[in-house]
Amino acid sequence: MTVCGESIRKVESFVYLGSVIDRQGGTDRDVIARTGKARAVFDIWASGEINTTAKLRLFISNVKSALLYGSKMWSMTKVTQQKIQTFTNTCLRRIFKIWWTDKICNEELWQRAGQEPVTRF
């Protein structure tokens, strides 16, 4: 195929407006890419210089919105929802300093954070 005399090559995937597009719609690859970018701020959650309220606000306003940007276009499967929820829970547990040995259910975690489960966005 050519456009304006330029031939267009076939690719497996590409990034358009920050989202990964591929033959399957790109959802899985996009989720992996977005969680990878959001994971870059994990060091902030461990910081003792920033209080929990500020960390939570940062998470909600920046990390979570960047993670879910464009998600309305995703083919949302249970697996995709679970990946996003797991990442979100991990961030919240680090913010609140809840370790794996602490027994706390996800519903209580979401209540502490004033958040809904990801499946309800």
PDB file of N, CA and C in Angstrom:
ATOM      1  N   MET A   1       0.844  -1.163   0.000  1.00  0.00           N
ATOM      2  CA  MET A   1       0.000   0.000   0.000  1.00  0.00           C
ATOM      3  C   MET A   1       0.897   1.236   0.000  1.00  0.00           C
ATOM      4  N   THR A   2       0.527   2.227  -0.775  1.00  0.00           N
ATOM      5  CA  THR A   2       1.281   3.478  -0.815  1.00  0.00           C
ATOM      6  C   THR A   2       0.346   4.656  -0.565  1.00  0.00           C
ATOM      7  N   VAL A   3       0.887   5.664   0.100  1.00  0.00           N
ATOM      8  CA  VAL A   3       0.165   6.910   0.354  1.00  0.00           C
ATOM      9  C   VAL A   3       1.076   8.041  -0.062  1.00  0.00           C
ATOM     10  N   CYS A   4       0.604   8.865  -0.991  1.00  0.00           N
ATOM     11  CA  CYS A   4       1.394   9.989  -1.506  1.00  0.00           C
ATOM     12  C   CYS A   4       2.758   9.521  -2.004  1.00  0.00           C
ATOM     13  N   GLY A   5       2.792   8.383  -2.641  1.00  0.00           N
ATOM     14  CA  GLY A   5       4.022   7.857  -3.194  1.00  0.00           C
ATOM     15  C   GLY A   5       4.926   7.157  -2.193  1.00  0.00           C
ATOM     16  N   GLU A   6       4.570   7.167  -0.916  1.00  0.00           N
ATOM     17  CA  GLU A   6       5.356   6.504   0.130  1.00  0.00           C
ATOM     18  C   GLU A   6       4.719   5.152   0.431  1.00  0.00           C
ATOM     19  N   SER A   7       5.541   4.116   0.461  1.00  0.00           N
ATOM     20  CA  SER A   7       4.976   2.812   0.791  1.00  0.00           C
ATOM     21  C   SER A   7       4.860   2.674   2.309  1.00  0.00           C
ATOM     22  N   ILE A   8       3.758   2.052   2.716  1.00  0.00           N
ATOM     23  CA  ILE A   8       3.498   1.851   4.139  1.00  0.00           C
ATOM     24  C   ILE A   8       3.847   0.415   4.469  1.00  0.00           C
ATOM     25  N   ARG A   9       4.663   0.262   5.500  1.00  0.00           N
ATOM     26  CA  ARG A   9       5.078  -1.093   5.870  1.00  0.00           C
ATOM     27  C   ARG A   9       4.150  -1.656   6.941  1.00  0.00           C
ATOM     28  N   LYS A  10       4.064  -2.951   6.950  1.00  0.00           N
ATOM     29  CA  LYS A  10       3.232  -3.661   7.906  1.00  0.00           C
ATOM     30  C   LYS A  10       4.027  -3.879   9.196  1.00  0.00           C
ATOM     31  N   VAL A  11       3.434  -3.528  10.348  1.00  0.00           N
ATOM     32  CA  VAL A  11       4.102  -3.706  11.633  1.00  0.00           C
ATOM     33  C   VAL A  11       3.198  -4.515  12.565  1.00  0.00           C
ATOM     34  N   GLU A  12       3.807  -5.110  13.571  1.00  0.00           N
ATOM     35  CA  GLU A  12       3.046  -5.900  14.542  1.00  0.00           C
ATOM     36  C   GLU A  12       2.310  -5.009  15.539  1.00  0.00           C
ATOM     37  N   SER A  13       2.938  -3.890  15.913  1.00  0.00           N
ATOM     38  CA  SER A  13       2.312  -2.962  16.857  1.00  0.00           C
ATOM     39  C   SER A  13       2.940  -1.581  16.685  1.00  0.00           C
ATOM     40  N   PHE A  14       2.230  -0.572  17.201  1.00  0.00           N
ATOM     41  CA  PHE A  14       2.749   0.783  17.193  1.00  0.00           C
ATOM     42  C   PHE A  14       2.104   1.560  18.335  1.00  0.00           C
ATOM     43  N   VAL A  15       2.690   2.699  18.671  1.00  0.00           N
ATOM     44  CA  VAL A  15       2.164   3.544  19.733  1.00  0.00           C
ATOM     45  C   VAL A  15       1.465   4.731  19.085  1.00  0.00           C
ATOM     46  N   TYR A  16       0.220   4.963  19.493  1.00  0.00           N
ATOM     47  CA  TYR A  16      -0.562   6.085  18.981  1.00  0.00           C
ATOM     48  C   TYR A  16      -1.175   6.810  20.171  1.00  0.00           C
ATOM     49  N   LEU A  17      -0.866   8.096  20.316  1.00  0.00           N
ATOM     50  CA  LEU A  17      -1.332   8.913  21.432  1.00  0.00           C
ATOM     51  C   LEU A  17      -1.065   8.250  22.784  1.00  0.00           C
ATOM     52  N   GLY A  18       0.098   7.625  22.901  1.00  0.00           N
ATOM     53  CA  GLY A  18       0.509   7.015  24.149  1.00  0.00           C
ATOM     54  C   GLY A  18      -0.024   5.622  24.400  1.00  0.00           C
ATOM     55  N   SER A  19      -0.830   5.093  23.498  1.00  0.00           N
ATOM     56  CA  SER A  19      -1.395   3.755  23.676  1.00  0.00           C
ATOM     57  C   SER A  19      -0.799   2.790  22.662  1.00  0.00           C
ATOM     58  N   VAL A  20      -0.585   1.561  23.094  1.00  0.00           N
ATOM     59  CA  VAL A  20      -0.052   0.529  22.209  1.00  0.00           C
ATOM     60  C   VAL A  20      -1.207  -0.057  21.404  1.00  0.00           C
ATOM     61  N   ILE A  21      -1.042  -0.098  20.099  1.00  0.00           N
ATOM     62  CA  ILE A  21      -2.045  -0.652  19.203  1.00  0.00           C
ATOM     63  C   ILE A  21      -1.435  -1.868  18.515  1.00  0.00           C
ATOM     64  N   ASP A  22      -2.152  -2.985  18.534  1.00  0.00           N
ATOM     65  CA  ASP A  22      -1.710  -4.160  17.790  1.00  0.00           C
ATOM     66  C   ASP A  22      -2.939  -4.873  17.230  1.00  0.00           C
ATOM     67  N   ARG A  23      -2.714  -6.015  16.630  1.00  0.00           N
ATOM     68  CA  ARG A  23      -3.815  -6.734  15.970  1.00  0.00           C
ATOM     69  C   ARG A  23      -4.914  -7.155  16.935  1.00  0.00           C
ATOM     70  N   GLN A  24      -4.551  -7.411  18.186  1.00  0.00           N
ATOM     71  CA  GLN A  24      -5.528  -7.824  19.186  1.00  0.00           C
ATOM     72  C   GLN A  24      -6.154  -6.640  19.910  1.00  0.00           C
ATOM     73  N   GLY A  25      -5.853  -5.444  19.488  1.00  0.00           N
ATOM     74  CA  GLY A  25      -6.379  -4.255  20.137  1.00  0.00           C
ATOM     75  C   GLY A  25      -5.370  -3.578  21.045  1.00  0.00           C
ATOM     76  N   GLY A  26      -4.343  -4.311  21.449  1.00  0.00           N
ATOM     77  CA  GLY A  26      -3.262  -3.722  22.220  1.00  0.00           C
ATOM     78  C   GLY A  26      -3.459  -3.686  23.718  1.00  0.00           C
ATOM     79  N   THR A  27      -4.577  -4.147  24.217  1.00  0.00           N
ATOM     80  CA  THR A  27      -4.880  -3.999  25.637  1.00  0.00           C
ATOM     81  C   THR A  27      -3.806  -4.570  26.539  1.00  0.00           C
ATOM     82  N   ASP A  28      -3.432  -5.829  26.364  1.00  0.00           N
ATOM     83  CA  ASP A  28      -2.449  -6.448  27.247  1.00  0.00           C
ATOM     84  C   ASP A  28      -1.105  -5.734  27.190  1.00  0.00           C
ATOM     85  N   ARG A  29      -0.649  -5.423  26.004  1.00  0.00           N
ATOM     86  CA  ARG A  29       0.643  -4.732  25.860  1.00  0.00           C
ATOM     87  C   ARG A  29       0.564  -3.323  26.435  1.00  0.00           C
ATOM     88  N   ASP A  30      -0.583  -2.676  26.285  1.00  0.00           N
ATOM     89  CA  ASP A  30      -0.768  -1.329  26.815  1.00  0.00           C
ATOM     90  C   ASP A  30      -0.762  -1.351  28.344  1.00  0.00           C
ATOM     91  N   VAL A  31      -1.426  -2.326  28.939  1.00  0.00           N
ATOM     92  CA  VAL A  31      -1.448  -2.450  30.400  1.00  0.00           C
ATOM     93  C   VAL A  31      -0.033  -2.681  30.925  1.00  0.00           C
ATOM     94  N   ILE A  32       0.714  -3.545  30.283  1.00  0.00           N
ATOM     95  CA  ILE A  32       2.096  -3.815  30.693  1.00  0.00           C
ATOM     96  C   ILE A  32       2.946  -2.548  30.573  1.00  0.00           C
ATOM     97  N   ALA A  33       2.797  -1.827  29.481  1.00  0.00           N
ATOM     98  CA  ALA A  33       3.571  -0.596  29.282  1.00  0.00           C
ATOM     99  C   ALA A  33       3.207   0.457  30.321  1.00  0.00           C
ATOM    100  N   ARG A  34       1.920   0.610  30.583  1.00  0.00           N
ATOM    101  CA  ARG A  34       1.481   1.636  31.541  1.00  0.00           C
ATOM    102  C   ARG A  34       1.861   1.294  32.975  1.00  0.00           C
ATOM    103  N   THR A  35       1.748   0.027  33.369  1.00  0.00           N
ATOM    104  CA  THR A  35       2.161  -0.333  34.728  1.00  0.00           C
ATOM    105  C   THR A  35       3.668  -0.188  34.882  1.00  0.00           C
ATOM    106  N   GLY A  36       4.404  -0.460  33.830  1.00  0.00           N
ATOM    107  CA  GLY A  36       5.856  -0.266  33.874  1.00  0.00           C
ATOM    108  C   GLY A  36       6.222   1.190  34.094  1.00  0.00           C
ATOM    109  N   LYS A  37       5.531   2.088  33.415  1.00  0.00           N
ATOM    110  CA  LYS A  37       5.794   3.519  33.590  1.00  0.00           C
ATOM    111  C   LYS A  37       5.374   3.981  34.982  1.00  0.00           C
ATOM    112  N   ALA A  38       4.221   3.503  35.439  1.00  0.00           N
ATOM    113  CA  ALA A  38       3.733   3.898  36.765  1.00  0.00           C
ATOM    114  C   ALA A  38       4.607   3.317  37.869  1.00  0.00           C
ATOM    115  N   ARG A  39       5.218   2.168  37.633  1.00  0.00           N
ATOM    116  CA  ARG A  39       6.074   1.513  38.621  1.00  0.00           C
ATOM    117  C   ARG A  39       7.315   2.366  38.928  1.00  0.00           C
ATOM    118  N   ALA A  40       7.650   3.279  38.033  1.00  0.00           N
ATOM    119  CA  ALA A  40       8.838   4.111  38.206  1.00  0.00           C
ATOM    120  C   ALA A  40       8.760   4.990  39.457  1.00  0.00           C
ATOM    121  N   VAL A  41       7.576   5.230  39.982  1.00  0.00           N
ATOM    122  CA  VAL A  41       7.446   6.088  41.166  1.00  0.00           C
ATOM    123  C   VAL A  41       7.391   5.284  42.461  1.00  0.00           C
ATOM    124  N   PHE A  42       7.647   3.986  42.408  1.00  0.00           N
ATOM    125  CA  PHE A  42       7.595   3.148  43.609  1.00  0.00           C
ATOM    126  C   PHE A  42       8.492   3.664  44.723  1.00  0.00           C
ATOM    127  N   ASP A  43       9.618   4.268  44.394  1.00  0.00           N
ATOM    128  CA  ASP A  43      10.520   4.781  45.428  1.00  0.00           C
ATOM    129  C   ASP A  43       9.841   5.855  46.275  1.00  0.00           C
ATOM    130  N   ILE A  44       8.926   6.581  45.688  1.00  0.00           N
ATOM    131  CA  ILE A  44       8.212   7.628  46.423  1.00  0.00           C
ATOM    132  C   ILE A  44       7.383   7.014  47.545  1.00  0.00           C
ATOM    133  N   TRP A  45       6.801   5.845  47.306  1.00  0.00           N
ATOM    134  CA  TRP A  45       5.938   5.222  48.318  1.00  0.00           C
ATOM    135  C   TRP A  45       6.740   4.854  49.568  1.00  0.00           C
ATOM    136  N   ALA A  46       8.018   4.570  49.409  1.00  0.00           N
ATOM    137  CA  ALA A  46       8.859   4.183  50.549  1.00  0.00           C
ATOM    138  C   ALA A  46       9.445   5.387  51.286  1.00  0.00           C
ATOM    139  N   SER A  47       9.327   6.562  50.704  1.00  0.00           N
ATOM    140  CA  SER A  47       9.922   7.762  51.288  1.00  0.00           C
ATOM    141  C   SER A  47       9.299   8.104  52.639  1.00  0.00           C
ATOM    142  N   GLY A  48      10.144   8.410  53.599  1.00  0.00           N
ATOM    143  CA  GLY A  48       9.669   8.846  54.908  1.00  0.00           C
ATOM    144  C   GLY A  48       9.474  10.352  54.971  1.00  0.00           C
ATOM    145  N   GLU A  49       9.891  11.038  53.928  1.00  0.00           N
ATOM    146  CA  GLU A  49       9.801  12.492  53.900  1.00  0.00           C
ATOM    147  C   GLU A  49       8.446  12.995  53.398  1.00  0.00           C
ATOM    148  N   ILE A  50       7.676  12.118  52.777  1.00  0.00           N
ATOM    149  CA  ILE A  50       6.365  12.496  52.244  1.00  0.00           C
ATOM    150  C   ILE A  50       5.300  11.785  53.066  1.00  0.00           C
ATOM    151  N   ASN A  51       4.295  12.536  53.544  1.00  0.00           N
ATOM    152  CA  ASN A  51       3.285  11.903  54.382  1.00  0.00           C
ATOM    153  C   ASN A  51       2.310  11.063  53.542  1.00  0.00           C
ATOM    154  N   THR A  52       1.586  10.204  54.214  1.00  0.00           N
ATOM    155  CA  THR A  52       0.689   9.252  53.553  1.00  0.00           C
ATOM    156  C   THR A  52      -0.388   9.969  52.739  1.00  0.00           C
ATOM    157  N   THR A  53      -0.924  11.049  53.260  1.00  0.00           N
ATOM    158  CA  THR A  53      -1.973  11.795  52.544  1.00  0.00           C
ATOM    159  C   THR A  53      -1.449  12.325  51.213  1.00  0.00           C
ATOM    160  N   ALA A  54      -0.247  12.874  51.223  1.00  0.00           N
ATOM    161  CA  ALA A  54       0.344  13.396  49.988  1.00  0.00           C
ATOM    162  C   ALA A  54       0.629  12.269  49.003  1.00  0.00           C
ATOM    163  N   LYS A  55       1.117  11.140  49.512  1.00  0.00           N
ATOM    164  CA  LYS A  55       1.381   9.985  48.638  1.00  0.00           C
ATOM    165  C   LYS A  55       0.092   9.490  47.996  1.00  0.00           C
ATOM    166  N   LEU A  56      -0.972   9.421  48.787  1.00  0.00           N
ATOM    167  CA  LEU A  56      -2.253   8.958  48.272  1.00  0.00           C
ATOM    168  C   LEU A  56      -2.798   9.914  47.219  1.00  0.00           C
ATOM    169  N   ARG A  57      -2.686  11.212  47.477  1.00  0.00           N
ATOM    170  CA  ARG A  57      -3.124  12.198  46.482  1.00  0.00           C
ATOM    171  C   ARG A  57      -2.321  12.092  45.193  1.00  0.00           C
ATOM    172  N   LEU A  58      -1.026  11.915  45.329  1.00  0.00           N
ATOM    173  CA  LEU A  58      -0.153  11.743  44.166  1.00  0.00           C
ATOM    174  C   LEU A  58      -0.558  10.503  43.382  1.00  0.00           C
ATOM    175  N   PHE A  59      -0.814   9.410  44.099  1.00  0.00           N
ATOM    176  CA  PHE A  59      -1.226   8.169  43.445  1.00  0.00           C
ATOM    177  C   PHE A  59      -2.532   8.360  42.675  1.00  0.00           C
ATOM    178  N   ILE A  60      -3.535   8.948  43.312  1.00  0.00           N
ATOM    179  CA  ILE A  60      -4.846   9.095  42.691  1.00  0.00           C
ATOM    180  C   ILE A  60      -4.794  10.062  41.512  1.00  0.00           C
ATOM    181  N   SER A  61      -4.136  11.197  41.691  1.00  0.00           N
ATOM    182  CA  SER A  61      -4.162  12.220  40.643  1.00  0.00           C
ATOM    183  C   SER A  61      -3.223  11.932  39.481  1.00  0.00           C
ATOM    184  N   ASN A  62      -2.102  11.279  39.739  1.00  0.00           N
ATOM    185  CA  ASN A  62      -1.124  11.086  38.669  1.00  0.00           C
ATOM    186  C   ASN A  62      -0.975   9.644  38.226  1.00  0.00           C
ATOM    187  N   VAL A  63      -0.617   8.783  39.146  1.00  0.00           N
ATOM    188  CA  VAL A  63      -0.305   7.400  38.774  1.00  0.00           C
ATOM    189  C   VAL A  63      -1.542   6.682  38.261  1.00  0.00           C
ATOM    190  N   LYS A  64      -2.614   6.733  39.033  1.00  0.00           N
ATOM    191  CA  LYS A  64      -3.814   6.007  38.638  1.00  0.00           C
ATOM    192  C   LYS A  64      -4.405   6.568  37.348  1.00  0.00           C
ATOM    193  N   SER A  65      -4.413   7.882  37.203  1.00  0.00           N
ATOM    194  CA  SER A  65      -4.967   8.456  35.976  1.00  0.00           C
ATOM    195  C   SER A  65      -4.090   8.128  34.769  1.00  0.00           C
ATOM    196  N   ALA A  66      -2.769   8.126  34.948  1.00  0.00           N
ATOM    197  CA  ALA A  66      -1.876   7.756  33.845  1.00  0.00           C
ATOM    198  C   ALA A  66      -2.028   6.289  33.493  1.00  0.00           C
ATOM    199  N   LEU A  67      -2.216   5.463  34.510  1.00  0.00           N
ATOM    200  CA  LEU A  67      -2.396   4.033  34.286  1.00  0.00           C
ATOM    201  C   LEU A  67      -3.680   3.755  33.506  1.00  0.00           C
ATOM    202  N   LEU A  68      -4.751   4.459  33.842  1.00  0.00           N
ATOM    203  CA  LEU A  68      -6.052   4.177  33.234  1.00  0.00           C
ATOM    204  C   LEU A  68      -6.366   5.050  32.019  1.00  0.00           C
ATOM    205  N   TYR A  69      -5.445   5.962  31.658  1.00  0.00           N
ATOM    206  CA  TYR A  69      -5.672   6.812  30.496  1.00  0.00           C
ATOM    207  C   TYR A  69      -5.906   5.952  29.258  1.00  0.00           C
ATOM    208  N   GLY A  70      -6.989   6.201  28.574  1.00  0.00           N
ATOM    209  CA  GLY A  70      -7.301   5.470  27.354  1.00  0.00           C
ATOM    210  C   GLY A  70      -7.933   4.116  27.601  1.00  0.00           C
ATOM    211  N   SER A  71      -8.193   3.774  28.861  1.00  0.00           N
ATOM    212  CA  SER A  71      -8.719   2.445  29.174  1.00  0.00           C
ATOM    213  C   SER A  71     -10.134   2.233  28.667  1.00  0.00           C
ATOM    214  N   LYS A  72     -10.842   3.292  28.372  1.00  0.00           N
ATOM    215  CA  LYS A  72     -12.205   3.154  27.826  1.00  0.00           C
ATOM    216  C   LYS A  72     -12.180   2.447  26.471  1.00  0.00           C
ATOM    217  N   MET A  73     -11.028   2.497  25.804  1.00  0.00           N
ATOM    218  CA  MET A  73     -10.899   1.873  24.487  1.00  0.00           C
ATOM    219  C   MET A  73     -10.425   0.424  24.577  1.00  0.00           C
ATOM    220  N   TRP A  74     -10.030  -0.014  25.770  1.00  0.00           N
ATOM    221  CA  TRP A  74      -9.525  -1.364  25.924  1.00  0.00           C
ATOM    222  C   TRP A  74     -10.658  -2.376  25.874  1.00  0.00           C
ATOM    223  N   SER A  75     -10.357  -3.560  25.389  1.00  0.00           N
ATOM    224  CA  SER A  75     -11.301  -4.664  25.526  1.00  0.00           C
ATOM    225  C   SER A  75     -11.039  -5.238  26.917  1.00  0.00           C
ATOM    226  N   MET A  76     -11.833  -4.791  27.878  1.00  0.00           N
ATOM    227  CA  MET A  76     -11.580  -5.100  29.284  1.00  0.00           C
ATOM    228  C   MET A  76     -12.026  -6.517  29.612  1.00  0.00           C
ATOM    229  N   THR A  77     -11.052  -7.364  29.851  1.00  0.00           N
ATOM    230  CA  THR A  77     -11.316  -8.745  30.236  1.00  0.00           C
ATOM    231  C   THR A  77     -11.086  -8.873  31.740  1.00  0.00           C
ATOM    232  N   LYS A  78     -11.497  -9.991  32.298  1.00  0.00           N
ATOM    233  CA  LYS A  78     -11.259 -10.245  33.724  1.00  0.00           C
ATOM    234  C   LYS A  78      -9.763 -10.238  34.036  1.00  0.00           C
ATOM    235  N   VAL A  79      -8.969 -10.799  33.122  1.00  0.00           N
ATOM    236  CA  VAL A  79      -7.515 -10.855  33.317  1.00  0.00           C
ATOM    237  C   VAL A  79      -6.935  -9.445  33.341  1.00  0.00           C
ATOM    238  N   THR A  80      -7.374  -8.584  32.426  1.00  0.00           N
ATOM    239  CA  THR A  80      -6.898  -7.199  32.380  1.00  0.00           C
ATOM    240  C   THR A  80      -7.290  -6.467  33.650  1.00  0.00           C
ATOM    241  N   GLN A  81      -8.538  -6.611  34.065  1.00  0.00           N
ATOM    242  CA  GLN A  81      -9.001  -5.979  35.300  1.00  0.00           C
ATOM    243  C   GLN A  81      -8.174  -6.446  36.493  1.00  0.00           C
ATOM    244  N   GLN A  82      -7.881  -7.737  36.535  1.00  0.00           N
ATOM    245  CA  GLN A  82      -7.116  -8.297  37.640  1.00  0.00           C
ATOM    246  C   GLN A  82      -5.691  -7.739  37.664  1.00  0.00           C
ATOM    247  N   LYS A  83      -5.075  -7.585  36.498  1.00  0.00           N
ATOM    248  CA  LYS A  83      -3.717  -7.025  36.427  1.00  0.00           C
ATOM    249  C   LYS A  83      -3.695  -5.597  36.956  1.00  0.00           C
ATOM    250  N   ILE A  84      -4.667  -4.807  36.537  1.00  0.00           N
ATOM    251  CA  ILE A  84      -4.735  -3.405  36.967  1.00  0.00           C
ATOM    252  C   ILE A  84      -5.024  -3.324  38.463  1.00  0.00           C
ATOM    253  N   GLN A  85      -5.959  -4.149  38.935  1.00  0.00           N
ATOM    254  CA  GLN A  85      -6.304  -4.140  40.356  1.00  0.00           C
ATOM    255  C   GLN A  85      -5.128  -4.577  41.219  1.00  0.00           C
ATOM    256  N   THR A  86      -4.400  -5.588  40.780  1.00  0.00           N
ATOM    257  CA  THR A  86      -3.233  -6.064  41.522  1.00  0.00           C
ATOM    258  C   THR A  86      -2.181  -4.964  41.630  1.00  0.00           C
ATOM    259  N   PHE A  87      -1.930  -4.277  40.521  1.00  0.00           N
ATOM    260  CA  PHE A  87      -0.968  -3.178  40.542  1.00  0.00           C
ATOM    261  C   PHE A  87      -1.439  -2.071  41.480  1.00  0.00           C
ATOM    262  N   THR A  88      -2.711  -1.712  41.407  1.00  0.00           N
ATOM    263  CA  THR A  88      -3.282  -0.671  42.261  1.00  0.00           C
ATOM    264  C   THR A  88      -3.168  -1.064  43.735  1.00  0.00           C
ATOM    265  N   ASN A  89      -3.528  -2.309  44.050  1.00  0.00           N
ATOM    266  CA  ASN A  89      -3.442  -2.777  45.435  1.00  0.00           C
ATOM    267  C   ASN A  89      -2.006  -2.747  45.943  1.00  0.00           C
ATOM    268  N   THR A  90      -1.060  -3.124  45.102  1.00  0.00           N
ATOM    269  CA  THR A  90       0.350  -3.101  45.488  1.00  0.00           C
ATOM    270  C   THR A  90       0.781  -1.682  45.837  1.00  0.00           C
ATOM    271  N   CYS A  91       0.394  -0.722  45.004  1.00  0.00           N
ATOM    272  CA  CYS A  91       0.728   0.683  45.288  1.00  0.00           C
ATOM    273  C   CYS A  91       0.112   1.130  46.607  1.00  0.00           C
ATOM    274  N   LEU A  92      -1.180   0.845  46.806  1.00  0.00           N
ATOM    275  CA  LEU A  92      -1.859   1.267  48.029  1.00  0.00           C
ATOM    276  C   LEU A  92      -1.247   0.623  49.262  1.00  0.00           C
ATOM    277  N   ARG A  93      -0.884  -0.651  49.169  1.00  0.00           N
ATOM    278  CA  ARG A  93      -0.269  -1.332  50.307  1.00  0.00           C
ATOM    279  C   ARG A  93       1.096  -0.715  50.635  1.00  0.00           C
ATOM    280  N   ARG A  94       1.846  -0.297  49.642  1.00  0.00           N
ATOM    281  CA  ARG A  94       3.133   0.369  49.900  1.00  0.00           C
ATOM    282  C   ARG A  94       2.918   1.744  50.509  1.00  0.00           C
ATOM    283  N   ILE A  95       1.917   2.463  50.026  1.00  0.00           N
ATOM    284  CA  ILE A  95       1.623   3.793  50.557  1.00  0.00           C
ATOM    285  C   ILE A  95       1.261   3.705  52.040  1.00  0.00           C
ATOM    286  N   PHE A  96       0.414   2.741  52.388  1.00  0.00           N
ATOM    287  CA  PHE A  96      -0.042   2.583  53.775  1.00  0.00           C
ATOM    288  C   PHE A  96       0.890   1.709  54.618  1.00  0.00           C
ATOM    289  N   LYS A  97       1.991   1.274  54.026  1.00  0.00           N
ATOM    290  CA  LYS A  97       2.976   0.422  54.710  1.00  0.00           C
ATOM    291  C   LYS A  97       2.326  -0.840  55.278  1.00  0.00           C
ATOM    292  N   ILE A  98       1.559  -1.497  54.445  1.00  0.00           N
ATOM    293  CA  ILE A  98       0.931  -2.770  54.805  1.00  0.00           C
ATOM    294  C   ILE A  98       1.759  -3.867  54.152  1.00  0.00           C
ATOM    295  N   TRP A  99       2.403  -4.677  54.943  1.00  0.00           N
ATOM    296  CA  TRP A  99       3.296  -5.705  54.440  1.00  0.00           C
ATOM    297  C   TRP A  99       2.534  -7.001  54.218  1.00  0.00           C
ATOM    298  N   TRP A 100       3.156  -7.942  53.544  1.00  0.00           N
ATOM    299  CA  TRP A 100       2.496  -9.193  53.198  1.00  0.00           C
ATOM    300  C   TRP A 100       2.121  -9.999  54.431  1.00  0.00           C
ATOM    301  N   THR A 101       2.820  -9.766  55.534  1.00  0.00           N
ATOM    302  CA  THR A 101       2.488 -10.477  56.771  1.00  0.00           C
ATOM    303  C   THR A 101       1.271  -9.898  57.475  1.00  0.00           C
ATOM    304  N   ASP A 102       0.927  -8.659  57.136  1.00  0.00           N
ATOM    305  CA  ASP A 102      -0.274  -8.032  57.704  1.00  0.00           C
ATOM    306  C   ASP A 102      -1.500  -8.571  56.988  1.00  0.00           C
ATOM    307  N   LYS A 103      -2.442  -9.038  57.757  1.00  0.00           N
ATOM    308  CA  LYS A 103      -3.664  -9.589  57.170  1.00  0.00           C
ATOM    309  C   LYS A 103      -4.705  -8.478  57.062  1.00  0.00           C
ATOM    310  N   ILE A 104      -4.968  -8.042  55.840  1.00  0.00           N
ATOM    311  CA  ILE A 104      -5.974  -7.016  55.587  1.00  0.00           C
ATOM    312  C   ILE A 104      -6.627  -7.345  54.248  1.00  0.00           C
ATOM    313  N   CYS A 105      -7.939  -7.311  54.216  1.00  0.00           N
ATOM    314  CA  CYS A 105      -8.639  -7.636  52.966  1.00  0.00           C
ATOM    315  C   CYS A 105      -8.609  -6.421  52.028  1.00  0.00           C
ATOM    316  N   ASN A 106      -8.784  -6.684  50.763  1.00  0.00           N
ATOM    317  CA  ASN A 106      -8.728  -5.613  49.767  1.00  0.00           C
ATOM    318  C   ASN A 106      -9.815  -4.568  50.006  1.00  0.00           C
ATOM    319  N   GLU A 107     -11.000  -5.001  50.428  1.00  0.00           N
ATOM    320  CA  GLU A 107     -12.093  -4.061  50.675  1.00  0.00           C
ATOM    321  C   GLU A 107     -11.709  -3.035  51.748  1.00  0.00           C
ATOM    322  N   GLU A 108     -11.022  -3.493  52.805  1.00  0.00           N
ATOM    323  CA  GLU A 108     -10.570  -2.575  53.845  1.00  0.00           C
ATOM    324  C   GLU A 108      -9.496  -1.632  53.299  1.00  0.00           C
ATOM    325  N   LEU A 109      -8.623  -2.152  52.462  1.00  0.00           N
ATOM    326  CA  LEU A 109      -7.588  -1.336  51.821  1.00  0.00           C
ATOM    327  C   LEU A 109      -8.225  -0.225  50.995  1.00  0.00           C
ATOM    328  N   TRP A 110      -9.213  -0.575  50.185  1.00  0.00           N
ATOM    329  CA  TRP A 110      -9.887   0.415  49.342  1.00  0.00           C
ATOM    330  C   TRP A 110     -10.629   1.445  50.188  1.00  0.00           C
ATOM    331  N   GLN A 111     -11.204   0.981  51.296  1.00  0.00           N
ATOM    332  CA  GLN A 111     -11.913   1.897  52.173  1.00  0.00           C
ATOM    333  C   GLN A 111     -10.946   2.901  52.799  1.00  0.00           C
ATOM    334  N   ARG A 112      -9.795   2.433  53.246  1.00  0.00           N
ATOM    335  CA  ARG A 112      -8.769   3.330  53.811  1.00  0.00           C
ATOM    336  C   ARG A 112      -8.352   4.386  52.797  1.00  0.00           C
ATOM    337  N   ALA A 113      -8.246   3.962  51.546  1.00  0.00           N
ATOM    338  CA  ALA A 113      -7.783   4.867  50.490  1.00  0.00           C
ATOM    339  C   ALA A 113      -8.919   5.698  49.898  1.00  0.00           C
ATOM    340  N   GLY A 114     -10.157   5.366  50.260  1.00  0.00           N
ATOM    341  CA  GLY A 114     -11.296   6.069  49.674  1.00  0.00           C
ATOM    342  C   GLY A 114     -11.441   5.762  48.196  1.00  0.00           C
ATOM    343  N   GLN A 115     -11.097   4.530  47.812  1.00  0.00           N
ATOM    344  CA  GLN A 115     -11.105   4.126  46.402  1.00  0.00           C
ATOM    345  C   GLN A 115     -12.125   3.025  46.150  1.00  0.00           C
ATOM    346  N   GLU A 116     -12.552   2.936  44.924  1.00  0.00           N
ATOM    347  CA  GLU A 116     -13.413   1.860  44.447  1.00  0.00           C
ATOM    348  C   GLU A 116     -12.526   0.815  43.772  1.00  0.00           C
ATOM    349  N   PRO A 117     -12.994  -0.418  43.689  1.00  0.00           N
ATOM    350  CA  PRO A 117     -12.244  -1.395  42.914  1.00  0.00           C
ATOM    351  C   PRO A 117     -12.116  -0.932  41.467  1.00  0.00           C
ATOM    352  N   VAL A 118     -11.056  -1.312  40.812  1.00  0.00           N
ATOM    353  CA  VAL A 118     -10.804  -0.888  39.431  1.00  0.00           C
ATOM    354  C   VAL A 118     -11.914  -1.319  38.501  1.00  0.00           C
ATOM    355  N   THR A 119     -12.582  -2.402  38.787  1.00  0.00           N
ATOM    356  CA  THR A 119     -13.642  -2.909  37.912  1.00  0.00           C
ATOM    357  C   THR A 119     -14.808  -1.943  37.796  1.00  0.00           C
ATOM    358  N   ARG A 120     -14.858  -0.930  38.655  1.00  0.00           N
ATOM    359  CA  ARG A 120     -15.970   0.018  38.637  1.00  0.00           C
ATOM    360  C   ARG A 120     -15.608   1.362  38.018  1.00  0.00           C
ATOM    361  N   PHE A 121     -14.503   1.458  37.254  1.00  0.00           N
ATOM    362  CA  PHE A 121     -14.144   2.777  36.703  1.00  0.00           C
ATOM    363  C   PHE A 121     -14.945   3.106  35.484  1.00  0.00           C
TER     364      PHE A 121
END
